[in-house]
């Protein structure tokens, strides 16, 4: 079986690789510890024990900053998400 990845409609934004503690907050207010592994103004990759589902909406909190996002993929303890609105990484 051959898997073919569809081309992205737009180029991926520059991602910053890091290891930063954060929290995932679900709609019901339940919070889980996460480690942010990479970050761009449009999305992120995290590692967490939370059982996330693709399509789920969460808030990602890092320090005092909090942004709403949708989980796009999950693989084991890692997940990737897309922010609802671009975030400013320079502040």
C-alpha atoms as a PDB file:
ATOM      1  CA  UNK A   1       0.000   0.000   0.000  1.00  0.00           C
ATOM      2  CA  UNK A   2       1.325   3.414  -0.943  1.00  0.00           C
ATOM      3  CA  UNK A   3       0.312   6.476   1.030  1.00  0.00           C
ATOM      4  CA  UNK A   4       0.426   9.771  -0.776  1.00  0.00           C
ATOM      5  CA  UNK A   5       0.379  12.991   1.202  1.00  0.00           C
ATOM      6  CA  UNK A   6      -1.650  15.762  -0.369  1.00  0.00           C
ATOM      7  CA  UNK A   7       0.374  18.922  -1.056  1.00  0.00           C
ATOM      8  CA  UNK A   8      -0.180  21.801   1.326  1.00  0.00           C
ATOM      9  CA  UNK A   9      -2.172  24.676  -0.143  1.00  0.00           C
ATOM     10  CA  UNK A  10       0.285  27.128   1.418  1.00  0.00           C
ATOM     11  CA  UNK A  11       3.869  26.788   2.662  1.00  0.00           C
ATOM     12  CA  UNK A  12       4.362  25.824   6.294  1.00  0.00           C
ATOM     13  CA  UNK A  13       5.349  28.711   8.533  1.00  0.00           C
ATOM     14  CA  UNK A  14       8.699  28.625  10.312  1.00  0.00           C
ATOM     15  CA  UNK A  15       8.530  26.498  13.431  1.00  0.00           C
ATOM     16  CA  UNK A  16      10.615  26.979  16.551  1.00  0.00           C
ATOM     17  CA  UNK A  17      11.750  23.754  18.196  1.00  0.00           C
ATOM     18  CA  UNK A  18      11.680  23.944  21.975  1.00  0.00           C
ATOM     19  CA  UNK A  19      10.802  22.169  25.189  1.00  0.00           C
ATOM     20  CA  UNK A  20       8.461  24.388  27.159  1.00  0.00           C
ATOM     21  CA  UNK A  21       5.976  23.440  29.898  1.00  0.00           C
ATOM     22  CA  UNK A  22       2.357  24.319  29.301  1.00  0.00           C
ATOM     23  CA  UNK A  23      -1.220  23.241  29.893  1.00  0.00           C
ATOM     24  CA  UNK A  24      -4.069  22.052  27.717  1.00  0.00           C
ATOM     25  CA  UNK A  25      -7.475  23.242  28.875  1.00  0.00           C
ATOM     26  CA  UNK A  26     -10.571  21.471  27.562  1.00  0.00           C
ATOM     27  CA  UNK A  27     -13.963  23.124  27.113  1.00  0.00           C
ATOM     28  CA  UNK A  28     -15.168  21.760  30.472  1.00  0.00           C
ATOM     29  CA  UNK A  29     -12.227  23.459  32.216  1.00  0.00           C
ATOM     30  CA  UNK A  30     -10.221  20.275  32.811  1.00  0.00           C
ATOM     31  CA  UNK A  31      -6.495  21.044  32.545  1.00  0.00           C
ATOM     32  CA  UNK A  32      -3.664  18.680  31.606  1.00  0.00           C
ATOM     33  CA  UNK A  33       0.089  19.162  31.706  1.00  0.00           C
ATOM     34  CA  UNK A  34       1.768  19.326  28.304  1.00  0.00           C
ATOM     35  CA  UNK A  35       5.219  19.962  26.885  1.00  0.00           C
ATOM     36  CA  UNK A  36       5.323  22.168  23.803  1.00  0.00           C
ATOM     37  CA  UNK A  37       7.829  20.609  21.375  1.00  0.00           C
ATOM     38  CA  UNK A  38       7.532  23.056  18.504  1.00  0.00           C
ATOM     39  CA  UNK A  39       5.638  26.229  17.812  1.00  0.00           C
ATOM     40  CA  UNK A  40       4.770  28.568  14.944  1.00  0.00           C
ATOM     41  CA  UNK A  41       2.374  31.480  14.691  1.00  0.00           C
ATOM     42  CA  UNK A  42      -0.234  29.103  13.222  1.00  0.00           C
ATOM     43  CA  UNK A  43       0.250  25.894  15.219  1.00  0.00           C
ATOM     44  CA  UNK A  44       2.149  23.638  17.583  1.00  0.00           C
ATOM     45  CA  UNK A  45       3.247  20.117  18.461  1.00  0.00           C
ATOM     46  CA  UNK A  46       2.824  18.975  22.046  1.00  0.00           C
ATOM     47  CA  UNK A  47       3.470  15.929  24.186  1.00  0.00           C
ATOM     48  CA  UNK A  48       0.851  15.106  26.819  1.00  0.00           C
ATOM     49  CA  UNK A  49      -0.824  12.267  28.720  1.00  0.00           C
ATOM     50  CA  UNK A  50      -4.245  13.729  27.838  1.00  0.00           C
ATOM     51  CA  UNK A  51      -6.163  11.576  25.365  1.00  0.00           C
ATOM     52  CA  UNK A  52      -6.883  14.113  22.665  1.00  0.00           C
ATOM     53  CA  UNK A  53      -8.942  13.558  19.520  1.00  0.00           C
ATOM     54  CA  UNK A  54      -8.448  15.119  16.088  1.00  0.00           C
ATOM     55  CA  UNK A  55     -11.034  17.870  15.659  1.00  0.00           C
ATOM     56  CA  UNK A  56     -11.203  18.609  19.401  1.00  0.00           C
ATOM     57  CA  UNK A  57     -11.008  22.262  20.455  1.00  0.00           C
ATOM     58  CA  UNK A  58      -8.714  23.160  23.345  1.00  0.00           C
ATOM     59  CA  UNK A  59      -6.887  26.139  24.811  1.00  0.00           C
ATOM     60  CA  UNK A  60      -3.103  25.940  24.959  1.00  0.00           C
ATOM     61  CA  UNK A  61      -1.658  27.868  27.879  1.00  0.00           C
ATOM     62  CA  UNK A  62       2.058  28.648  28.078  1.00  0.00           C
ATOM     63  CA  UNK A  63       3.058  30.978  30.884  1.00  0.00           C
ATOM     64  CA  UNK A  64       0.504  33.806  30.976  1.00  0.00           C
ATOM     65  CA  UNK A  65      -0.427  33.362  27.300  1.00  0.00           C
ATOM     66  CA  UNK A  66      -3.482  31.349  26.298  1.00  0.00           C
ATOM     67  CA  UNK A  67      -4.746  30.623  22.762  1.00  0.00           C
ATOM     68  CA  UNK A  68      -7.640  28.587  21.368  1.00  0.00           C
ATOM     69  CA  UNK A  69      -6.794  25.831  18.903  1.00  0.00           C
ATOM     70  CA  UNK A  70      -8.075  22.743  17.150  1.00  0.00           C
ATOM     71  CA  UNK A  71      -6.234  19.433  17.435  1.00  0.00           C
ATOM     72  CA  UNK A  72      -5.370  18.311  13.885  1.00  0.00           C
ATOM     73  CA  UNK A  73      -3.566  15.019  14.524  1.00  0.00           C
ATOM     74  CA  UNK A  74      -2.681  12.652  17.378  1.00  0.00           C
ATOM     75  CA  UNK A  75       0.039   9.997  17.430  1.00  0.00           C
ATOM     76  CA  UNK A  76       0.563   8.282  20.763  1.00  0.00           C
ATOM     77  CA  UNK A  77       1.409  10.938  23.346  1.00  0.00           C
ATOM     78  CA  UNK A  78       2.048  13.625  20.712  1.00  0.00           C
ATOM     79  CA  UNK A  79      -0.502  15.896  19.060  1.00  0.00           C
ATOM     80  CA  UNK A  80      -0.456  18.779  16.626  1.00  0.00           C
ATOM     81  CA  UNK A  81      -2.814  21.710  16.634  1.00  0.00           C
ATOM     82  CA  UNK A  82      -3.740  24.774  14.646  1.00  0.00           C
ATOM     83  CA  UNK A  83      -4.484  28.053  16.402  1.00  0.00           C
ATOM     84  CA  UNK A  84      -7.858  29.684  15.709  1.00  0.00           C
ATOM     85  CA  UNK A  85      -6.018  32.984  15.161  1.00  0.00           C
ATOM     86  CA  UNK A  86      -2.301  33.464  14.455  1.00  0.00           C
ATOM     87  CA  UNK A  87      -0.265  34.112  17.588  1.00  0.00           C
ATOM     88  CA  UNK A  88       2.559  36.608  17.965  1.00  0.00           C
ATOM     89  CA  UNK A  89       5.795  34.803  18.824  1.00  0.00           C
ATOM     90  CA  UNK A  90       7.891  37.915  19.301  1.00  0.00           C
ATOM     91  CA  UNK A  91       6.373  39.072  22.611  1.00  0.00           C
END
